Amino acid sequence: METDTTKESSECRFICPKTLRDMLMKLGEVQPKRIHDLVTVSFIFSGLRAKFLKMTCPKGYVCILETLGPISYPESESNLVPRLTSILILVWRMKKLLKDTRDVVNDEEIFIPTSKNRIRKPPIQSAFHFENYVSPKKRKTSNSSSSSNHDTTNSNSEV
């Protein structure tokens, strides 16, 4: 059996998982409540081998990547039926997963507007807070108290 090529290892470890996650997140934007039902798949063909990648997000916050394979292509008549059968079964399963994902994405909930589910906007926040407000005008006080305050401030300044 062949060893992993550079192309195959970079595709399986870096490029495809990132692309699958990006596709899954885009699909999740369409149906955020049902992200756990969404699946993305990838096929990687390298030489006479094929690998299949499947990404899911069962809890909604962590993606799980499953690698299926490698499956070798038939090289002779003796292994034609078993190898071709395993490839066809995997392709059929992936196609079923993609159809289920398509159904989830295209599933729209019926929305009937009522007064209970009306969108309420929060009140606009004031930039001016009254609890911290200090009046710019000073209070008028009686002449005697203001003169006594004035005298004490002058006596403190002389010392």
N, C-alpha and C. Protein backbone atom coordinates (compact mmCIF):
# COMPACT_ATOMS: atom_id res chain seq x y z
N MET A 1 0.84 -1.18 0.00
CA MET A 1 0.00 0.00 0.00
C MET A 1 0.89 1.24 0.00
N GLU A 2 0.44 2.28 -0.71
CA GLU A 2 1.22 3.51 -0.83
C GLU A 2 1.25 4.27 0.49
N THR A 3 2.27 5.06 0.64
CA THR A 3 2.32 5.95 1.80
C THR A 3 1.59 7.24 1.44
N ASP A 4 1.25 8.01 2.46
CA ASP A 4 0.56 9.29 2.22
C ASP A 4 1.46 10.22 1.43
N THR A 5 0.89 10.84 0.42
CA THR A 5 1.63 11.84 -0.33
C THR A 5 1.49 13.18 0.37
N THR A 6 2.33 14.12 -0.01
CA THR A 6 2.27 15.46 0.58
C THR A 6 0.93 16.11 0.28
N LYS A 7 0.45 15.96 -0.95
CA LYS A 7 -0.83 16.54 -1.34
C LYS A 7 -1.96 15.96 -0.49
N GLU A 8 -1.95 14.65 -0.35
CA GLU A 8 -3.01 13.99 0.41
C GLU A 8 -2.99 14.40 1.88
N SER A 9 -1.81 14.45 2.47
CA SER A 9 -1.74 14.81 3.89
C SER A 9 -2.12 16.27 4.11
N SER A 10 -1.70 17.18 3.22
CA SER A 10 -2.09 18.59 3.41
C SER A 10 -3.58 18.79 3.18
N GLU A 11 -4.15 18.07 2.22
CA GLU A 11 -5.59 18.16 1.98
C GLU A 11 -6.37 17.63 3.18
N CYS A 12 -5.96 16.49 3.72
CA CYS A 12 -6.70 15.85 4.82
C CYS A 12 -6.54 16.59 6.14
N ARG A 13 -5.40 17.19 6.37
CA ARG A 13 -5.13 17.79 7.67
C ARG A 13 -5.42 19.28 7.75
N PHE A 14 -5.29 20.00 6.65
CA PHE A 14 -5.41 21.46 6.72
C PHE A 14 -6.51 22.04 5.84
N ILE A 15 -6.43 21.78 4.55
CA ILE A 15 -7.29 22.48 3.60
C ILE A 15 -8.75 22.05 3.73
N CYS A 16 -9.01 20.75 3.62
CA CYS A 16 -10.40 20.28 3.67
C CYS A 16 -11.08 20.52 5.01
N PRO A 17 -10.45 20.26 6.15
CA PRO A 17 -11.14 20.54 7.42
C PRO A 17 -11.53 22.00 7.58
N LYS A 18 -10.65 22.91 7.18
CA LYS A 18 -10.98 24.34 7.29
C LYS A 18 -12.14 24.69 6.36
N THR A 19 -12.12 24.18 5.13
CA THR A 19 -13.19 24.44 4.18
C THR A 19 -14.50 23.83 4.66
N LEU A 20 -14.45 22.62 5.18
CA LEU A 20 -15.66 21.97 5.70
C LEU A 20 -16.25 22.76 6.86
N ARG A 21 -15.40 23.25 7.75
CA ARG A 21 -15.88 24.05 8.88
C ARG A 21 -16.51 25.35 8.40
N ASP A 22 -15.87 26.01 7.44
CA ASP A 22 -16.42 27.25 6.90
C ASP A 22 -17.78 27.01 6.26
N MET A 23 -17.90 25.92 5.50
CA MET A 23 -19.19 25.60 4.87
C MET A 23 -20.24 25.29 5.93
N LEU A 24 -19.85 24.57 6.97
CA LEU A 24 -20.79 24.22 8.03
C LEU A 24 -21.28 25.46 8.77
N MET A 25 -20.39 26.41 9.01
CA MET A 25 -20.78 27.64 9.70
C MET A 25 -21.70 28.49 8.82
N LYS A 26 -21.45 28.52 7.51
CA LYS A 26 -22.34 29.25 6.59
C LYS A 26 -23.73 28.61 6.57
N LEU A 27 -23.78 27.28 6.56
CA LEU A 27 -25.07 26.60 6.61
C LEU A 27 -25.75 26.84 7.95
N GLY A 28 -24.96 26.93 9.01
CA GLY A 28 -25.50 27.20 10.34
C GLY A 28 -26.12 28.58 10.46
N GLU A 29 -25.66 29.53 9.65
CA GLU A 29 -26.27 30.86 9.66
C GLU A 29 -27.69 30.82 9.12
N VAL A 30 -27.97 29.87 8.22
CA VAL A 30 -29.31 29.75 7.65
C VAL A 30 -30.26 29.13 8.66
N GLN A 31 -29.82 28.09 9.36
CA GLN A 31 -30.64 27.40 10.36
C GLN A 31 -29.85 27.26 11.66
N PRO A 32 -29.69 28.35 12.43
CA PRO A 32 -28.85 28.27 13.63
C PRO A 32 -29.39 27.32 14.71
N LYS A 33 -30.69 27.15 14.77
CA LYS A 33 -31.26 26.26 15.79
C LYS A 33 -31.04 24.79 15.46
N ARG A 34 -30.74 24.50 14.21
CA ARG A 34 -30.61 23.10 13.79
C ARG A 34 -29.20 22.79 13.29
N ILE A 35 -28.21 23.51 13.81
CA ILE A 35 -26.83 23.28 13.35
C ILE A 35 -26.36 21.87 13.68
N HIS A 36 -26.93 21.26 14.71
CA HIS A 36 -26.53 19.90 15.07
C HIS A 36 -27.00 18.86 14.05
N ASP A 37 -27.91 19.23 13.14
CA ASP A 37 -28.39 18.32 12.10
C ASP A 37 -27.63 18.47 10.79
N LEU A 38 -26.74 19.44 10.70
CA LEU A 38 -26.04 19.73 9.46
C LEU A 38 -24.76 18.90 9.34
N VAL A 39 -24.42 18.54 8.10
CA VAL A 39 -23.23 17.75 7.81
C VAL A 39 -22.59 18.29 6.53
N THR A 40 -21.27 18.35 6.50
CA THR A 40 -20.55 18.65 5.26
C THR A 40 -19.58 17.50 5.00
N VAL A 41 -19.38 17.21 3.71
CA VAL A 41 -18.52 16.08 3.34
C VAL A 41 -17.51 16.51 2.29
N SER A 42 -16.45 15.72 2.19
CA SER A 42 -15.40 15.99 1.21
C SER A 42 -14.84 14.66 0.72
N PHE A 43 -14.48 14.64 -0.54
CA PHE A 43 -13.84 13.48 -1.14
C PHE A 43 -12.42 13.89 -1.53
N ILE A 44 -11.44 13.08 -1.16
CA ILE A 44 -10.05 13.35 -1.53
C ILE A 44 -9.55 12.15 -2.32
N PHE A 45 -9.18 12.40 -3.57
CA PHE A 45 -8.67 11.35 -4.43
C PHE A 45 -7.19 11.57 -4.66
N SER A 46 -6.41 10.54 -4.41
CA SER A 46 -4.96 10.63 -4.59
C SER A 46 -4.47 9.29 -5.13
N GLY A 47 -4.06 9.30 -6.38
CA GLY A 47 -3.60 8.06 -6.99
C GLY A 47 -4.75 7.07 -7.10
N LEU A 48 -4.54 5.87 -6.60
CA LEU A 48 -5.57 4.84 -6.64
C LEU A 48 -6.30 4.71 -5.31
N ARG A 49 -6.28 5.76 -4.52
CA ARG A 49 -6.94 5.72 -3.22
C ARG A 49 -7.89 6.90 -3.08
N ALA A 50 -8.87 6.71 -2.23
CA ALA A 50 -9.84 7.78 -1.95
C ALA A 50 -10.06 7.84 -0.44
N LYS A 51 -10.19 9.05 0.06
CA LYS A 51 -10.55 9.27 1.47
C LYS A 51 -11.80 10.13 1.48
N PHE A 52 -12.62 9.91 2.49
CA PHE A 52 -13.85 10.66 2.64
C PHE A 52 -13.83 11.34 4.00
N LEU A 53 -14.10 12.63 4.03
CA LEU A 53 -14.14 13.39 5.27
C LEU A 53 -15.57 13.83 5.53
N LYS A 54 -15.98 13.74 6.78
CA LYS A 54 -17.33 14.16 7.17
C LYS A 54 -17.21 15.04 8.41
N MET A 55 -17.82 16.22 8.38
CA MET A 55 -17.78 17.12 9.52
C MET A 55 -19.19 17.38 10.02
N THR A 56 -19.34 17.27 11.34
CA THR A 56 -20.62 17.56 12.00
C THR A 56 -20.37 18.50 13.17
N CYS A 57 -21.46 19.01 13.70
CA CYS A 57 -21.38 19.90 14.87
C CYS A 57 -22.51 19.50 15.82
N PRO A 58 -22.38 18.36 16.50
CA PRO A 58 -23.50 17.79 17.25
C PRO A 58 -24.01 18.64 18.40
N LYS A 59 -23.15 19.38 19.08
CA LYS A 59 -23.59 20.20 20.21
C LYS A 59 -23.74 21.67 19.84
N GLY A 60 -23.29 22.04 18.65
CA GLY A 60 -23.44 23.42 18.21
C GLY A 60 -22.23 24.30 18.43
N TYR A 61 -21.21 23.80 19.12
CA TYR A 61 -20.05 24.66 19.38
C TYR A 61 -18.72 23.97 19.12
N VAL A 62 -18.69 22.66 18.89
CA VAL A 62 -17.46 21.94 18.58
C VAL A 62 -17.71 21.10 17.33
N CYS A 63 -16.83 21.23 16.35
CA CYS A 63 -16.96 20.45 15.12
C CYS A 63 -16.20 19.13 15.25
N ILE A 64 -16.80 18.07 14.73
CA ILE A 64 -16.16 16.75 14.75
C ILE A 64 -15.86 16.34 13.32
N LEU A 65 -14.62 15.97 13.07
CA LEU A 65 -14.18 15.55 11.75
C LEU A 65 -13.92 14.05 11.76
N GLU A 66 -14.60 13.33 10.87
CA GLU A 66 -14.40 11.89 10.74
C GLU A 66 -13.74 11.62 9.39
N THR A 67 -12.72 10.79 9.39
CA THR A 67 -12.05 10.38 8.16
C THR A 67 -12.41 8.93 7.88
N LEU A 68 -12.93 8.68 6.70
CA LEU A 68 -13.29 7.33 6.30
C LEU A 68 -12.36 6.92 5.16
N GLY A 69 -11.69 5.83 5.33
CA GLY A 69 -10.78 5.38 4.28
C GLY A 69 -9.37 5.32 4.80
N PRO A 70 -8.40 5.13 4.00
CA PRO A 70 -8.45 5.17 2.54
C PRO A 70 -9.04 3.88 1.95
N ILE A 71 -9.73 4.07 0.86
CA ILE A 71 -10.29 2.95 0.10
C ILE A 71 -9.56 2.92 -1.23
N SER A 72 -9.06 1.77 -1.59
CA SER A 72 -8.30 1.65 -2.84
C SER A 72 -9.23 1.32 -4.00
N TYR A 73 -8.89 1.84 -5.16
CA TYR A 73 -9.62 1.51 -6.38
C TYR A 73 -9.26 0.09 -6.80
N PRO A 74 -10.14 -0.53 -7.54
CA PRO A 74 -9.81 -1.87 -8.03
C PRO A 74 -8.62 -1.84 -8.99
N GLU A 75 -7.72 -2.78 -8.80
CA GLU A 75 -6.54 -2.87 -9.66
C GLU A 75 -6.59 -4.08 -10.59
N SER A 76 -7.44 -5.02 -10.25
CA SER A 76 -7.57 -6.22 -11.09
C SER A 76 -9.00 -6.73 -11.02
N GLU A 77 -9.30 -7.75 -11.83
CA GLU A 77 -10.66 -8.31 -11.84
C GLU A 77 -10.99 -8.99 -10.52
N SER A 78 -10.01 -9.51 -9.86
CA SER A 78 -10.26 -10.26 -8.63
C SER A 78 -10.77 -9.37 -7.49
N ASN A 79 -10.33 -8.11 -7.44
CA ASN A 79 -10.80 -7.23 -6.37
C ASN A 79 -11.74 -6.13 -6.87
N LEU A 80 -12.25 -6.27 -8.10
CA LEU A 80 -13.14 -5.27 -8.67
C LEU A 80 -14.44 -5.13 -7.87
N VAL A 81 -15.11 -6.23 -7.63
CA VAL A 81 -16.42 -6.18 -6.98
C VAL A 81 -16.33 -5.68 -5.54
N PRO A 82 -15.47 -6.22 -4.67
CA PRO A 82 -15.47 -5.74 -3.29
C PRO A 82 -15.04 -4.28 -3.15
N ARG A 83 -14.02 -3.87 -3.90
CA ARG A 83 -13.54 -2.49 -3.76
C ARG A 83 -14.52 -1.49 -4.37
N LEU A 84 -15.05 -1.82 -5.52
CA LEU A 84 -16.01 -0.91 -6.14
C LEU A 84 -17.30 -0.82 -5.32
N THR A 85 -17.70 -1.93 -4.71
CA THR A 85 -18.88 -1.93 -3.85
C THR A 85 -18.67 -1.04 -2.64
N SER A 86 -17.52 -1.12 -2.01
CA SER A 86 -17.27 -0.28 -0.83
C SER A 86 -17.24 1.20 -1.20
N ILE A 87 -16.68 1.53 -2.36
CA ILE A 87 -16.68 2.94 -2.80
C ILE A 87 -18.10 3.41 -3.07
N LEU A 88 -18.88 2.61 -3.76
CA LEU A 88 -20.26 3.00 -4.09
C LEU A 88 -21.12 3.15 -2.83
N ILE A 89 -20.92 2.27 -1.85
CA ILE A 89 -21.68 2.38 -0.60
C ILE A 89 -21.33 3.67 0.13
N LEU A 90 -20.04 4.00 0.20
CA LEU A 90 -19.65 5.24 0.86
C LEU A 90 -20.18 6.47 0.13
N VAL A 91 -20.12 6.46 -1.19
CA VAL A 91 -20.65 7.59 -1.97
C VAL A 91 -22.15 7.71 -1.75
N TRP A 92 -22.86 6.59 -1.71
CA TRP A 92 -24.31 6.61 -1.48
C TRP A 92 -24.63 7.17 -0.09
N ARG A 93 -23.86 6.77 0.92
CA ARG A 93 -24.08 7.29 2.28
C ARG A 93 -23.82 8.80 2.35
N MET A 94 -22.76 9.25 1.70
CA MET A 94 -22.46 10.69 1.69
C MET A 94 -23.56 11.46 0.98
N LYS A 95 -24.06 10.90 -0.11
CA LYS A 95 -25.15 11.56 -0.84
C LYS A 95 -26.39 11.67 0.03
N LYS A 96 -26.68 10.64 0.80
CA LYS A 96 -27.84 10.67 1.72
C LYS A 96 -27.64 11.74 2.79
N LEU A 97 -26.43 11.84 3.35
CA LEU A 97 -26.15 12.88 4.34
C LEU A 97 -26.34 14.28 3.75
N LEU A 98 -25.88 14.47 2.51
CA LEU A 98 -26.03 15.77 1.87
C LEU A 98 -27.49 16.09 1.58
N LYS A 99 -28.28 15.09 1.20
CA LYS A 99 -29.72 15.32 0.98
C LYS A 99 -30.40 15.71 2.29
N ASP A 100 -30.03 15.04 3.38
CA ASP A 100 -30.61 15.38 4.68
C ASP A 100 -30.23 16.80 5.09
N THR A 101 -28.99 17.19 4.83
CA THR A 101 -28.55 18.56 5.13
C THR A 101 -29.31 19.56 4.28
N ARG A 102 -29.49 19.25 3.00
CA ARG A 102 -30.27 20.14 2.13
C ARG A 102 -31.69 20.32 2.66
N ASP A 103 -32.31 19.23 3.12
CA ASP A 103 -33.66 19.33 3.67
C ASP A 103 -33.71 20.20 4.92
N VAL A 104 -32.69 20.10 5.76
CA VAL A 104 -32.63 20.94 6.97
C VAL A 104 -32.50 22.41 6.59
N VAL A 105 -31.63 22.70 5.63
CA VAL A 105 -31.41 24.09 5.22
C VAL A 105 -32.66 24.67 4.57
N ASN A 106 -33.36 23.87 3.77
CA ASN A 106 -34.55 24.37 3.07
C ASN A 106 -35.80 24.35 3.93
N ASP A 107 -35.74 23.75 5.10
CA ASP A 107 -36.90 23.69 5.99
C ASP A 107 -37.12 25.05 6.63
N GLU A 108 -38.26 25.63 6.35
CA GLU A 108 -38.58 26.93 6.93
C GLU A 108 -39.75 26.77 7.88
N GLU A 109 -39.64 27.41 9.02
CA GLU A 109 -40.73 27.38 9.98
C GLU A 109 -41.80 28.37 9.55
N ILE A 110 -43.03 28.03 9.83
CA ILE A 110 -44.13 28.94 9.52
C ILE A 110 -44.18 29.99 10.61
N PHE A 111 -44.18 31.23 10.19
CA PHE A 111 -44.20 32.34 11.13
C PHE A 111 -45.52 33.08 10.98
N ILE A 112 -46.31 33.10 12.03
CA ILE A 112 -47.57 33.82 12.04
C ILE A 112 -47.42 34.96 13.03
N PRO A 113 -47.40 36.19 12.54
CA PRO A 113 -47.21 37.32 13.45
C PRO A 113 -48.41 37.51 14.37
N THR A 114 -48.13 37.64 15.64
CA THR A 114 -49.15 37.95 16.64
C THR A 114 -48.60 39.04 17.53
N SER A 115 -49.45 39.51 18.43
CA SER A 115 -48.98 40.57 19.33
C SER A 115 -47.97 40.03 20.34
N LYS A 116 -47.98 38.72 20.60
CA LYS A 116 -47.05 38.15 21.57
C LYS A 116 -45.64 38.05 21.02
N ASN A 117 -45.50 37.76 19.72
CA ASN A 117 -44.15 37.62 19.18
C ASN A 117 -43.73 38.85 18.39
N ARG A 118 -44.32 39.97 18.71
CA ARG A 118 -43.94 41.23 18.08
C ARG A 118 -42.54 41.61 18.54
N ILE A 119 -41.79 42.14 17.63
CA ILE A 119 -40.42 42.55 17.97
C ILE A 119 -40.49 43.86 18.71
N ARG A 120 -39.96 43.86 19.90
CA ARG A 120 -39.94 45.08 20.70
C ARG A 120 -38.53 45.63 20.72
N LYS A 121 -38.43 46.88 20.39
CA LYS A 121 -37.12 47.52 20.41
C LYS A 121 -36.87 48.08 21.79
N PRO A 122 -35.66 47.94 22.29
CA PRO A 122 -35.36 48.53 23.59
C PRO A 122 -35.39 50.05 23.48
N PRO A 123 -35.73 50.73 24.57
CA PRO A 123 -35.73 52.19 24.51
C PRO A 123 -34.33 52.71 24.24
N ILE A 124 -34.26 53.83 23.59
CA ILE A 124 -32.96 54.42 23.27
C ILE A 124 -32.31 54.87 24.56
N GLN A 125 -31.08 54.47 24.75
CA GLN A 125 -30.35 54.84 25.96
C GLN A 125 -29.97 56.31 25.89
N SER A 126 -30.22 57.01 26.95
CA SER A 126 -29.88 58.42 27.00
C SER A 126 -28.39 58.58 27.27
N ALA A 127 -27.81 59.53 26.59
CA ALA A 127 -26.40 59.83 26.83
C ALA A 127 -26.24 60.73 28.04
N PHE A 128 -27.34 61.22 28.56
CA PHE A 128 -27.33 62.15 29.67
C PHE A 128 -27.93 61.46 30.88
N HIS A 129 -27.18 61.30 31.95
CA HIS A 129 -27.64 60.60 33.15
C HIS A 129 -27.96 61.63 34.23
N PHE A 130 -29.18 61.60 34.73
CA PHE A 130 -29.62 62.60 35.69
C PHE A 130 -29.07 62.39 37.09
N GLU A 131 -28.73 61.16 37.46
CA GLU A 131 -28.25 60.95 38.82
C GLU A 131 -26.88 61.59 39.04
N ASN A 132 -26.12 61.81 38.00
CA ASN A 132 -24.81 62.44 38.12
C ASN A 132 -24.85 63.93 37.78
N TYR A 133 -26.03 64.44 37.59
CA TYR A 133 -26.18 65.82 37.14
C TYR A 133 -25.97 66.79 38.29
N VAL A 134 -25.12 67.77 38.09
CA VAL A 134 -24.88 68.84 39.06
C VAL A 134 -25.27 70.13 38.39
N SER A 135 -26.11 70.88 39.06
CA SER A 135 -26.59 72.14 38.49
C SER A 135 -25.44 73.13 38.36
N PRO A 136 -25.34 73.82 37.24
CA PRO A 136 -24.26 74.79 37.07
C PRO A 136 -24.47 76.05 37.90
N LYS A 137 -25.69 76.30 38.33
CA LYS A 137 -25.97 77.50 39.14
C LYS A 137 -25.76 77.16 40.60
N LYS A 138 -25.13 78.09 41.33
CA LYS A 138 -24.95 77.91 42.77
C LYS A 138 -26.20 78.41 43.47
N ARG A 139 -26.48 77.80 44.57
CA ARG A 139 -27.63 78.25 45.37
C ARG A 139 -27.30 79.55 46.06
N LYS A 140 -28.29 80.37 46.13
CA LYS A 140 -28.10 81.62 46.87
C LYS A 140 -28.29 81.33 48.34
N THR A 141 -27.40 81.85 49.11
CA THR A 141 -27.50 81.69 50.56
C THR A 141 -27.66 83.06 51.19
N SER A 142 -27.94 83.06 52.44
CA SER A 142 -28.11 84.35 53.12
C SER A 142 -26.78 85.08 53.19
N ASN A 143 -26.80 86.37 53.28
CA ASN A 143 -25.58 87.19 53.30
C ASN A 143 -24.69 86.88 54.49
N SER A 144 -25.28 86.60 55.61
CA SER A 144 -24.47 86.36 56.80
C SER A 144 -23.66 85.08 56.68
N SER A 145 -24.25 84.04 56.15
CA SER A 145 -23.50 82.79 56.03
C SER A 145 -22.44 82.90 54.95
N SER A 146 -22.71 83.64 53.90
CA SER A 146 -21.71 83.77 52.84
C SER A 146 -20.54 84.63 53.30
N SER A 147 -20.82 85.66 54.09
CA SER A 147 -19.72 86.50 54.57
C SER A 147 -18.88 85.75 55.59
N SER A 148 -19.50 84.92 56.42
CA SER A 148 -18.72 84.16 57.40
C SER A 148 -17.86 83.12 56.69
N ASN A 149 -18.39 82.51 55.63
CA ASN A 149 -17.59 81.56 54.84
C ASN A 149 -16.44 82.27 54.17
N HIS A 150 -16.71 83.50 53.72
CA HIS A 150 -15.69 84.27 53.04
C HIS A 150 -14.57 84.66 54.01
N ASP A 151 -14.95 85.01 55.24
CA ASP A 151 -13.95 85.38 56.23
C ASP A 151 -13.07 84.19 56.61
N THR A 152 -13.65 83.02 56.72
CA THR A 152 -12.86 81.86 57.11
C THR A 152 -11.91 81.46 55.99
N THR A 153 -12.33 81.62 54.78
CA THR A 153 -11.43 81.26 53.68
C THR A 153 -10.27 82.24 53.60
N ASN A 154 -10.53 83.52 53.89
CA ASN A 154 -9.45 84.50 53.86
C ASN A 154 -8.47 84.26 55.01
N SER A 155 -9.00 83.90 56.16
CA SER A 155 -8.11 83.67 57.30
C SER A 155 -7.26 82.43 57.07
N ASN A 156 -7.81 81.43 56.39
CA ASN A 156 -7.03 80.22 56.09
C ASN A 156 -5.95 80.50 55.06
N SER A 157 -6.24 81.41 54.16
CA SER A 157 -5.25 81.68 53.12
C SER A 157 -4.08 82.50 53.65
N GLU A 158 -4.29 83.27 54.73
CA GLU A 158 -3.21 84.07 55.28
C GLU A 158 -2.22 83.23 56.06
N VAL A 159 -2.65 82.13 56.57
CA VAL A 159 -1.80 81.32 57.43
C VAL A 159 -0.79 80.55 56.68
